[in-house]
PDB file of N, CA and C in Angstrom:
ATOM      1  N   MET A   1       1.012  -1.116   0.033  1.00  0.00           N
ATOM      2  CA  MET A   1      -0.004   0.050  -0.011  1.00  0.00           C
ATOM      3  C   MET A   1       0.873   1.170  -0.039  1.00  0.00           C
ATOM      4  N   VAL A   2       0.646   2.150  -0.917  1.00  0.00           N
ATOM      5  CA  VAL A   2       1.164   3.362  -0.935  1.00  0.00           C
ATOM      6  C   VAL A   2       0.841   4.484   0.188  1.00  0.00           C
ATOM      7  N   GLU A   3       1.674   5.043   0.780  1.00  0.00           N
ATOM      8  CA  GLU A   3       1.298   5.865   1.770  1.00  0.00           C
ATOM      9  C   GLU A   3       1.692   7.324   1.422  1.00  0.00           C
ATOM     10  N   ILE A   4       0.723   8.296   1.565  1.00  0.00           N
ATOM     11  CA  ILE A   4       1.179   9.808   1.248  1.00  0.00           C
ATOM     12  C   ILE A   4       1.796  10.297   2.308  1.00  0.00           C
ATOM     13  N   THR A   5       2.985  10.969   2.039  1.00  0.00           N
ATOM     14  CA  THR A   5       3.736  11.635   3.086  1.00  0.00           C
ATOM     15  C   THR A   5       3.339  13.034   3.371  1.00  0.00           C
ATOM     16  N   THR A   6       3.461  13.286   4.637  1.00  0.00           N
ATOM     17  CA  THR A   6       3.147  14.783   4.929  1.00  0.00           C
ATOM     18  C   THR A   6       4.337  15.517   5.313  1.00  0.00           C
ATOM     19  N   ARG A   7       5.630  15.017   4.876  1.00  0.00           N
ATOM     20  CA  ARG A   7       6.768  15.819   5.180  1.00  0.00           C
ATOM     21  C   ARG A   7       6.688  17.202   4.395  1.00  0.00           C
ATOM     22  N   ASP A   8       7.270  18.212   4.985  1.00  0.00           N
ATOM     23  CA  ASP A   8       7.432  19.475   4.335  1.00  0.00           C
ATOM     24  C   ASP A   8       8.253  19.290   3.057  1.00  0.00           C
ATOM     25  N   GLY A   9       8.040  20.086   2.088  1.00  0.00           N
ATOM     26  CA  GLY A   9       8.806  20.356   1.114  1.00  0.00           C
ATOM     27  C   GLY A   9       8.661  19.136  -0.124  1.00  0.00           C
ATOM     28  N   VAL A  10       7.764  18.274   0.132  1.00  0.00           N
ATOM     29  CA  VAL A  10       7.503  17.105  -0.722  1.00  0.00           C
ATOM     30  C   VAL A  10       6.383  17.651  -1.735  1.00  0.00           C
ATOM     31  N   GLN A  11       6.766  17.379  -3.100  1.00  0.00           N
ATOM     32  CA  GLN A  11       5.857  17.730  -4.065  1.00  0.00           C
ATOM     33  C   GLN A  11       4.834  16.705  -4.373  1.00  0.00           C
ATOM     34  N   THR A  12       3.657  16.916  -4.214  1.00  0.00           N
ATOM     35  CA  THR A  12       2.476  16.208  -4.514  1.00  0.00           C
ATOM     36  C   THR A  12       1.761  16.476  -5.789  1.00  0.00           C
ATOM     37  N   VAL A  13       1.689  15.595  -6.745  1.00  0.00           N
ATOM     38  CA  VAL A  13       0.876  15.891  -7.950  1.00  0.00           C
ATOM     39  C   VAL A  13      -0.251  14.978  -8.121  1.00  0.00           C
ATOM     40  N   ILE A  14      -1.403  15.643  -8.255  1.00  0.00           N
ATOM     41  CA  ILE A  14      -2.776  14.790  -8.477  1.00  0.00           C
ATOM     42  C   ILE A  14      -3.241  15.138  -9.858  1.00  0.00           C
ATOM     43  N   THR A  15      -3.513  14.193 -10.582  1.00  0.00           N
ATOM     44  CA  THR A  15      -3.999  14.185 -11.886  1.00  0.00           C
ATOM     45  C   THR A  15      -5.292  13.316 -11.952  1.00  0.00           C
ATOM     46  N   THR A  16      -6.288  13.838 -12.625  1.00  0.00           N
ATOM     47  CA  THR A  16      -7.523  13.066 -12.796  1.00  0.00           C
ATOM     48  C   THR A  16      -7.946  12.845 -14.268  1.00  0.00           C
ATOM     49  N   PHE A  17      -8.410  11.832 -14.628  1.00  0.00           N
ATOM     50  CA  PHE A  17      -8.726  11.498 -15.969  1.00  0.00           C
ATOM     51  C   PHE A  17     -10.135  11.085 -16.030  1.00  0.00           C
ATOM     52  N   GLU A  18     -11.023  11.786 -17.011  1.00  0.00           N
ATOM     53  CA  GLU A  18     -12.308  11.284 -17.277  1.00  0.00           C
ATOM     54  C   GLU A  18     -12.528  10.848 -18.648  1.00  0.00           C
ATOM     55  N   MET A  19     -13.202   9.575 -18.711  1.00  0.00           N
ATOM     56  CA  MET A  19     -13.302   8.797 -19.983  1.00  0.00           C
ATOM     57  C   MET A  19     -14.649   8.181 -20.109  1.00  0.00           C
ATOM     58  N   THR A  20     -14.914   7.521 -21.195  1.00  0.00           N
ATOM     59  CA  THR A  20     -16.235   6.849 -21.324  1.00  0.00           C
ATOM     60  C   THR A  20     -15.932   5.503 -20.816  1.00  0.00           C
ATOM     61  N   PRO A  21     -16.937   4.745 -20.379  1.00  0.00           N
ATOM     62  CA  PRO A  21     -16.910   3.356 -20.004  1.00  0.00           C
ATOM     63  C   PRO A  21     -16.242   2.595 -20.849  1.00  0.00           C
ATOM     64  N   GLY A  22     -15.402   1.648 -20.523  1.00  0.00           N
ATOM     65  CA  GLY A  22     -14.767   0.676 -21.345  1.00  0.00           C
ATOM     66  C   GLY A  22     -13.424   1.053 -21.782  1.00  0.00           C
ATOM     67  N   THR A  23     -12.988   2.189 -21.619  1.00  0.00           N
ATOM     68  CA  THR A  23     -11.733   2.758 -21.935  1.00  0.00           C
ATOM     69  C   THR A  23     -10.619   3.073 -20.697  1.00  0.00           C
ATOM     70  N   ALA A  24     -11.100   3.040 -19.451  1.00  0.00           N
ATOM     71  CA  ALA A  24     -10.458   3.236 -18.381  1.00  0.00           C
ATOM     72  C   ALA A  24      -9.493   2.252 -18.026  1.00  0.00           C
ATOM     73  N   GLN A  25      -9.814   0.984 -18.188  1.00  0.00           N
ATOM     74  CA  GLN A  25      -8.898  -0.199 -17.831  1.00  0.00           C
ATOM     75  C   GLN A  25      -7.730  -0.061 -18.696  1.00  0.00           C
ATOM     76  N   ASP A  26      -7.873   0.346 -20.081  1.00  0.00           N
ATOM     77  CA  ASP A  26      -6.614   0.399 -20.961  1.00  0.00           C
ATOM     78  C   ASP A  26      -5.683   1.607 -20.364  1.00  0.00           C
ATOM     79  N   LEU A  27      -6.287   2.653 -20.022  1.00  0.00           N
ATOM     80  CA  LEU A  27      -5.474   3.772 -19.415  1.00  0.00           C
ATOM     81  C   LEU A  27      -4.829   3.314 -17.988  1.00  0.00           C
ATOM     82  N   MET A  28      -5.524   2.622 -17.354  1.00  0.00           N
ATOM     83  CA  MET A  28      -5.083   2.201 -15.983  1.00  0.00           C
ATOM     84  C   MET A  28      -3.805   1.358 -16.199  1.00  0.00           C
ATOM     85  N   ASP A  29      -3.856   0.429 -17.205  1.00  0.00           N
ATOM     86  CA  ASP A  29      -2.736  -0.476 -17.509  1.00  0.00           C
ATOM     87  C   ASP A  29      -1.536   0.307 -18.060  1.00  0.00           C
ATOM     88  N   ALA A  30      -1.852   1.223 -18.902  1.00  0.00           N
ATOM     89  CA  ALA A  30      -0.647   2.054 -19.387  1.00  0.00           C
ATOM     90  C   ALA A  30       0.048   2.859 -18.402  1.00  0.00           C
ATOM     91  N   LEU A  31      -0.851   3.525 -17.485  1.00  0.00           N
ATOM     92  CA  LEU A  31      -0.269   4.291 -16.399  1.00  0.00           C
ATOM     93  C   LEU A  31       0.549   3.252 -15.283  1.00  0.00           C
ATOM     94  N   ARG A  32       0.115   2.118 -15.033  1.00  0.00           N
ATOM     95  CA  ARG A  32       0.777   1.158 -14.305  1.00  0.00           C
ATOM     96  C   ARG A  32       2.155   0.871 -14.925  1.00  0.00           C
ATOM     97  N   GLU A  33       2.090   0.586 -16.326  1.00  0.00           N
ATOM     98  CA  GLU A  33       3.314   0.186 -17.017  1.00  0.00           C
ATOM     99  C   GLU A  33       4.335   1.244 -17.009  1.00  0.00           C
ATOM    100  N   ALA A  34       3.776   2.440 -16.999  1.00  0.00           N
ATOM    101  CA  ALA A  34       4.698   3.719 -17.031  1.00  0.00           C
ATOM    102  C   ALA A  34       5.224   3.845 -15.778  1.00  0.00           C
ATOM    103  N   TYR A  35       4.605   3.676 -14.655  1.00  0.00           N
ATOM    104  CA  TYR A  35       5.267   3.783 -13.347  1.00  0.00           C
ATOM    105  C   TYR A  35       6.234   2.707 -13.210  1.00  0.00           C
ATOM    106  N   GLU A  36       5.946   1.488 -13.439  1.00  0.00           N
ATOM    107  CA  GLU A  36       6.805   0.322 -13.160  1.00  0.00           C
ATOM    108  C   GLU A  36       8.058   0.433 -14.118  1.00  0.00           C
ATOM    109  N   GLY A  37       7.821   0.869 -15.442  1.00  0.00           N
ATOM    110  CA  GLY A  37       8.935   0.728 -16.331  1.00  0.00           C
ATOM    111  C   GLY A  37       9.833   2.000 -16.292  1.00  0.00           C
ATOM    112  N   PHE A  38       9.249   3.165 -15.821  1.00  0.00           N
ATOM    113  CA  PHE A  38      10.122   4.348 -16.154  1.00  0.00           C
ATOM    114  C   PHE A  38       9.973   5.405 -14.964  1.00  0.00           C
ATOM    115  N   ILE A  39       8.789   5.869 -14.706  1.00  0.00           N
ATOM    116  CA  ILE A  39       8.580   6.912 -13.745  1.00  0.00           C
ATOM    117  C   ILE A  39       9.178   6.572 -12.324  1.00  0.00           C
ATOM    118  N   SER A  40       8.885   5.410 -11.819  1.00  0.00           N
ATOM    119  CA  SER A  40       9.365   5.156 -10.446  1.00  0.00           C
ATOM    120  C   SER A  40      10.890   5.000 -10.461  1.00  0.00           C
ATOM    121  N   LYS A  41      11.548   4.983 -11.641  1.00  0.00           N
ATOM    122  CA  LYS A  41      12.873   4.870 -11.588  1.00  0.00           C
ATOM    123  C   LYS A  41      13.656   6.447 -11.676  1.00  0.00           C
ATOM    124  N   ARG A  42      12.976   7.388 -11.831  1.00  0.00           N
ATOM    125  CA  ARG A  42      13.424   8.694 -11.971  1.00  0.00           C
ATOM    126  C   ARG A  42      13.913   9.168 -10.429  1.00  0.00           C
ATOM    127  N   PRO A  43      14.945  10.007 -10.495  1.00  0.00           N
ATOM    128  CA  PRO A  43      15.403  10.700  -9.237  1.00  0.00           C
ATOM    129  C   PRO A  43      14.344  11.536  -8.600  1.00  0.00           C
ATOM    130  N   GLY A  44      14.305  11.330  -7.319  1.00  0.00           N
ATOM    131  CA  GLY A  44      13.351  11.974  -6.510  1.00  0.00           C
ATOM    132  C   GLY A  44      11.958  11.356  -6.402  1.00  0.00           C
ATOM    133  N   PHE A  45      11.632  10.337  -7.137  1.00  0.00           N
ATOM    134  CA  PHE A  45      10.326   9.739  -7.021  1.00  0.00           C
ATOM    135  C   PHE A  45      10.195   9.034  -5.600  1.00  0.00           C
ATOM    136  N   ILE A  46       9.123   9.314  -4.958  1.00  0.00           N
ATOM    137  CA  ILE A  46       8.773   8.731  -3.674  1.00  0.00           C
ATOM    138  C   ILE A  46       7.667   7.551  -3.795  1.00  0.00           C
ATOM    139  N   GLY A  47       6.621   7.845  -4.581  1.00  0.00           N
ATOM    140  CA  GLY A  47       5.538   6.908  -4.744  1.00  0.00           C
ATOM    141  C   GLY A  47       4.422   7.364  -5.370  1.00  0.00           C
ATOM    142  N   ALA A  48       3.360   6.510  -5.709  1.00  0.00           N
ATOM    143  CA  ALA A  48       2.241   6.917  -6.494  1.00  0.00           C
ATOM    144  C   ALA A  48       1.143   5.956  -6.206  1.00  0.00           C
ATOM    145  N   GLY A  49       0.028   6.400  -6.494  1.00  0.00           N
ATOM    146  CA  GLY A  49      -1.381   5.615  -6.313  1.00  0.00           C
ATOM    147  C   GLY A  49      -2.173   5.932  -7.508  1.00  0.00           C
ATOM    148  N   LEU A  50      -2.943   4.763  -7.925  1.00  0.00           N
ATOM    149  CA  LEU A  50      -3.825   4.942  -9.194  1.00  0.00           C
ATOM    150  C   LEU A  50      -5.081   4.265  -8.489  1.00  0.00           C
ATOM    151  N   HIS A  51      -6.220   5.103  -8.767  1.00  0.00           N
ATOM    152  CA  HIS A  51      -7.576   4.640  -8.220  1.00  0.00           C
ATOM    153  C   HIS A  51      -8.511   4.921  -9.309  1.00  0.00           C
ATOM    154  N   MET A  52      -9.353   3.843  -9.606  1.00  0.00           N
ATOM    155  CA  MET A  52     -10.439   3.898 -10.606  1.00  0.00           C
ATOM    156  C   MET A  52     -11.880   3.891  -9.899  1.00  0.00           C
ATOM    157  N   ASN A  53     -12.807   4.698 -10.454  1.00  0.00           N
ATOM    158  CA  ASN A  53     -14.184   4.520  -9.729  1.00  0.00           C
ATOM    159  C   ASN A  53     -14.886   3.374 -10.268  1.00  0.00           C
ATOM    160  N   ASP A  54     -16.011   2.903  -9.466  1.00  0.00           N
ATOM    161  CA  ASP A  54     -16.704   1.828  -9.703  1.00  0.00           C
ATOM    162  C   ASP A  54     -17.161   1.780 -11.159  1.00  0.00           C
ATOM    163  N   ALA A  55     -17.707   2.998 -11.672  1.00  0.00           N
ATOM    164  CA  ALA A  55     -18.236   3.018 -12.982  1.00  0.00           C
ATOM    165  C   ALA A  55     -17.350   2.962 -14.135  1.00  0.00           C
ATOM    166  N   GLN A  56     -15.847   2.992 -13.808  1.00  0.00           N
ATOM    167  CA  GLN A  56     -14.773   2.947 -14.709  1.00  0.00           C
ATOM    168  C   GLN A  56     -14.974   4.065 -15.684  1.00  0.00           C
ATOM    169  N   THR A  57     -15.059   5.153 -15.068  1.00  0.00           N
ATOM    170  CA  THR A  57     -15.157   6.353 -15.901  1.00  0.00           C
ATOM    171  C   THR A  57     -14.263   7.443 -15.516  1.00  0.00           C
ATOM    172  N   ARG A  58     -13.585   7.290 -14.353  1.00  0.00           N
ATOM    173  CA  ARG A  58     -12.619   8.214 -13.865  1.00  0.00           C
ATOM    174  C   ARG A  58     -11.372   7.518 -13.207  1.00  0.00           C
ATOM    175  N   ILE A  59     -10.231   7.992 -13.444  1.00  0.00           N
ATOM    176  CA  ILE A  59      -9.042   7.514 -12.767  1.00  0.00           C
ATOM    177  C   ILE A  59      -8.437   8.746 -11.995  1.00  0.00           C
ATOM    178  N   ALA A  60      -8.032   8.501 -10.734  1.00  0.00           N
ATOM    179  CA  ALA A  60      -7.256   9.495 -10.040  1.00  0.00           C
ATOM    180  C   ALA A  60      -5.814   9.164  -9.742  1.00  0.00           C
ATOM    181  N   ASN A  61      -4.980   9.941 -10.030  1.00  0.00           N
ATOM    182  CA  ASN A  61      -3.485   9.430 -10.026  1.00  0.00           C
ATOM    183  C   ASN A  61      -2.902  10.530  -9.070  1.00  0.00           C
ATOM    184  N   TYR A  62      -2.020   9.906  -8.197  1.00  0.00           N
ATOM    185  CA  TYR A  62      -1.238  11.011  -7.344  1.00  0.00           C
ATOM    186  C   TYR A  62       0.160  10.289  -7.258  1.00  0.00           C
ATOM    187  N   SER A  63       1.172  11.294  -7.341  1.00  0.00           N
ATOM    188  CA  SER A  63       2.520  10.840  -7.152  1.00  0.00           C
ATOM    189  C   SER A  63       3.119  11.864  -6.223  1.00  0.00           C
ATOM    190  N   GLN A  64       4.297  11.409  -5.568  1.00  0.00           N
ATOM    191  CA  GLN A  64       5.087  12.239  -4.679  1.00  0.00           C
ATOM    192  C   GLN A  64       6.572  12.192  -5.138  1.00  0.00           C
ATOM    193  N   TRP A  65       6.958  13.376  -4.902  1.00  0.00           N
ATOM    194  CA  TRP A  65       8.407  13.619  -5.360  1.00  0.00           C
ATOM    195  C   TRP A  65       9.227  14.339  -4.376  1.00  0.00           C
ATOM    196  N   GLU A  66      10.534  14.040  -4.206  1.00  0.00           N
ATOM    197  CA  GLU A  66      11.288  14.795  -3.176  1.00  0.00           C
ATOM    198  C   GLU A  66      11.192  16.364  -3.319  1.00  0.00           C
ATOM    199  N   ARG A  67      11.358  16.793  -4.700  1.00  0.00           N
ATOM    200  CA  ARG A  67      11.321  18.223  -5.010  1.00  0.00           C
ATOM    201  C   ARG A  67      10.553  18.488  -6.338  1.00  0.00           C
ATOM    202  N   ARG A  68       9.939  19.601  -6.346  1.00  0.00           N
ATOM    203  CA  ARG A  68       9.121  20.034  -7.531  1.00  0.00           C
ATOM    204  C   ARG A  68      10.002  19.745  -8.889  1.00  0.00           C
ATOM    205  N   GLU A  69      11.329  20.153  -8.756  1.00  0.00           N
ATOM    206  CA  GLU A  69      12.334  20.072  -9.899  1.00  0.00           C
ATOM    207  C   GLU A  69      12.338  18.697 -10.416  1.00  0.00           C
ATOM    208  N   ASP A  70      12.286  17.571  -9.364  1.00  0.00           N
ATOM    209  CA  ASP A  70      12.428  16.347  -9.697  1.00  0.00           C
ATOM    210  C   ASP A  70      11.004  15.854 -10.678  1.00  0.00           C
ATOM    211  N   PHE A  71      10.117  16.278 -10.221  1.00  0.00           N
ATOM    212  CA  PHE A  71       8.718  16.055 -11.000  1.00  0.00           C
ATOM    213  C   PHE A  71       8.804  16.598 -12.485  1.00  0.00           C
ATOM    214  N   LEU A  72       9.296  17.962 -12.407  1.00  0.00           N
ATOM    215  CA  LEU A  72       9.375  18.522 -13.746  1.00  0.00           C
ATOM    216  C   LEU A  72      10.559  17.810 -14.672  1.00  0.00           C
ATOM    217  N   ALA A  73      11.457  17.407 -14.067  1.00  0.00           N
ATOM    218  CA  ALA A  73      12.535  16.869 -14.892  1.00  0.00           C
ATOM    219  C   ALA A  73      12.077  15.483 -15.420  1.00  0.00           C
ATOM    220  N   MET A  74      11.104  14.819 -14.836  1.00  0.00           N
ATOM    221  CA  MET A  74      10.651  13.564 -15.291  1.00  0.00           C
ATOM    222  C   MET A  74       9.889  13.645 -16.489  1.00  0.00           C
TER     223      MET A  74
END
């Protein structure tokens, strides 16, 4: 389970995606693959979470970074 840190200075990025039913799982799979294969290996990455609603029409994504510059460099 990913835990959101409350440390000062940490950059938290929240992104939401809205889509038609039937397409959310494809995006969820692509986001997971991106985190596993690339994003999680970037300097300053702390953690991330992906959440899909029951209707499969929205995905919420959050990630945390040591510094804003680390996120922007990613």
